[in-house]
């Protein structure tokens, strides 16, 4: 994934998005559904109705960047809410893009004693 500047927030736009929308349509959803500025430098994730297509909108300081990913098998894990947004931690966007359930990742066990 592209390295993001520090203090960049990552948002999931809840619900289903019409994947025919481009830069302007997705920016309008960010302003309407999240009451956020699409030119703030934050990253916004959108998912289609079938769940196998994801679009990412990001303003890098010079222009809007629109990325798209389609899973050949499976679906992207998405919040149950029909509207609004969910903020992700630094590690969760990578899990989301890999098709991993980002909501409850399993952590490995940490040892209690060295010997």
Protein backbone atom coordinates (compact mmCIF):
# COMPACT_ATOMS: atom_id res chain seq x y z
CA UNK A 1 0.00 0.00 0.00
CA UNK A 2 1.08 3.59 -0.54
CA UNK A 3 2.73 5.10 2.53
CA UNK A 4 0.47 7.69 4.12
CA UNK A 5 1.63 10.79 5.99
CA UNK A 6 1.45 10.79 9.79
CA UNK A 7 -1.91 11.78 11.32
CA UNK A 8 -3.82 10.52 8.28
CA UNK A 9 -7.15 9.01 9.31
CA UNK A 10 -8.69 6.14 7.42
CA UNK A 11 -12.48 5.96 7.13
CA UNK A 12 -14.87 3.27 5.95
CA UNK A 13 -18.05 4.71 4.47
CA UNK A 14 -20.77 2.38 5.81
CA UNK A 15 -23.46 0.95 3.57
CA UNK A 16 -23.26 0.17 -0.12
CA UNK A 17 -21.91 2.57 -2.73
CA UNK A 18 -22.70 2.70 -6.43
CA UNK A 19 -19.36 1.62 -7.92
CA UNK A 20 -20.07 3.58 -11.11
CA UNK A 21 -19.28 6.76 -9.16
CA UNK A 22 -15.98 8.44 -9.79
CA UNK A 23 -13.98 11.21 -8.14
CA UNK A 24 -16.77 13.79 -7.83
CA UNK A 25 -19.52 11.36 -6.84
CA UNK A 26 -17.44 9.74 -4.10
CA UNK A 27 -16.24 13.13 -2.83
CA UNK A 28 -19.90 14.19 -2.56
CA UNK A 29 -20.65 11.07 -0.49
CA UNK A 30 -17.76 11.92 1.86
CA UNK A 31 -19.17 15.41 2.36
CA UNK A 32 -22.77 14.25 2.77
CA UNK A 33 -22.55 10.94 4.64
CA UNK A 34 -19.52 11.65 6.85
CA UNK A 35 -19.57 15.47 6.99
CA UNK A 36 -15.84 15.29 6.22
CA UNK A 37 -13.75 17.24 3.73
CA UNK A 38 -12.60 14.91 0.91
CA UNK A 39 -9.59 17.21 0.40
CA UNK A 40 -8.39 16.87 4.02
CA UNK A 41 -5.80 14.20 3.20
CA UNK A 42 -7.76 11.45 4.96
CA UNK A 43 -8.43 8.15 3.16
CA UNK A 44 -11.98 6.96 2.45
CA UNK A 45 -12.99 3.36 1.61
CA UNK A 46 -16.21 2.47 -0.28
CA UNK A 47 -17.67 -0.99 -1.00
CA UNK A 48 -20.11 -2.07 -3.70
CA UNK A 49 -23.35 -3.98 -3.13
CA UNK A 50 -21.88 -7.43 -3.95
CA UNK A 51 -18.98 -6.82 -1.58
CA UNK A 52 -16.21 -7.90 -3.93
CA UNK A 53 -15.23 -4.41 -5.16
CA UNK A 54 -13.60 -1.70 -3.07
CA UNK A 55 -12.75 1.90 -4.01
CA UNK A 56 -10.38 4.16 -2.10
CA UNK A 57 -10.43 7.97 -2.36
CA UNK A 58 -7.45 10.01 -1.14
CA UNK A 59 -6.27 13.60 -1.66
CA UNK A 60 -2.45 13.61 -1.67
CA UNK A 61 -2.08 17.40 -1.56
CA UNK A 62 -2.01 17.83 -5.34
CA UNK A 63 -5.05 15.93 -6.54
CA UNK A 64 -7.52 13.17 -5.80
CA UNK A 65 -6.35 9.59 -6.14
CA UNK A 66 -8.91 6.87 -6.84
CA UNK A 67 -7.90 3.24 -6.34
CA UNK A 68 -10.01 0.18 -7.01
CA UNK A 69 -9.63 -3.48 -6.02
CA UNK A 70 -11.75 -6.50 -6.93
CA UNK A 71 -11.47 -9.79 -5.07
CA UNK A 72 -11.59 -12.84 -7.31
CA UNK A 73 -13.05 -14.88 -4.43
CA UNK A 74 -14.72 -13.78 -1.22
CA UNK A 75 -15.96 -10.41 -0.01
CA UNK A 76 -14.55 -7.43 1.83
CA UNK A 77 -15.61 -7.33 5.50
CA UNK A 78 -17.81 -4.29 6.12
CA UNK A 79 -19.62 -2.74 9.10
CA UNK A 80 -23.30 -3.62 9.56
CA UNK A 81 -24.38 0.04 9.76
CA UNK A 82 -26.31 1.37 6.77
CA UNK A 83 -24.93 4.90 7.03
CA UNK A 84 -22.13 6.89 8.64
CA UNK A 85 -18.52 5.86 8.88
CA UNK A 86 -15.98 3.89 10.87
CA UNK A 87 -12.44 5.08 11.60
CA UNK A 88 -9.69 2.44 11.26
CA UNK A 89 -6.39 2.01 13.09
CA UNK A 90 -3.07 2.10 11.23
CA UNK A 91 -2.98 -1.70 10.71
CA UNK A 92 -6.63 -2.28 9.77
CA UNK A 93 -6.55 -0.86 6.19
CA UNK A 94 -3.92 -3.42 5.18
CA UNK A 95 -6.04 -6.23 6.60
CA UNK A 96 -9.11 -4.87 4.83
CA UNK A 97 -7.31 -4.77 1.47
CA UNK A 98 -6.11 -8.35 1.96
CA UNK A 99 -9.67 -9.57 2.60
CA UNK A 100 -8.95 -10.28 6.29
CA UNK A 101 -11.59 -9.58 8.95
CA UNK A 102 -10.18 -6.31 10.33
CA UNK A 103 -12.78 -6.07 13.13
CA UNK A 104 -11.43 -8.86 15.37
CA UNK A 105 -7.91 -9.87 14.30
CA UNK A 106 -6.38 -12.72 16.27
CA UNK A 107 -3.18 -11.77 18.06
CA UNK A 108 -0.48 -14.33 18.71
CA UNK A 109 0.23 -15.34 22.28
CA UNK A 110 3.01 -13.42 24.04
CA UNK A 111 5.35 -15.43 26.26
CA UNK A 112 5.20 -14.73 30.00
CA UNK A 113 8.76 -15.80 30.84
CA UNK A 114 11.97 -15.91 28.84
CA UNK A 115 13.21 -19.13 30.45
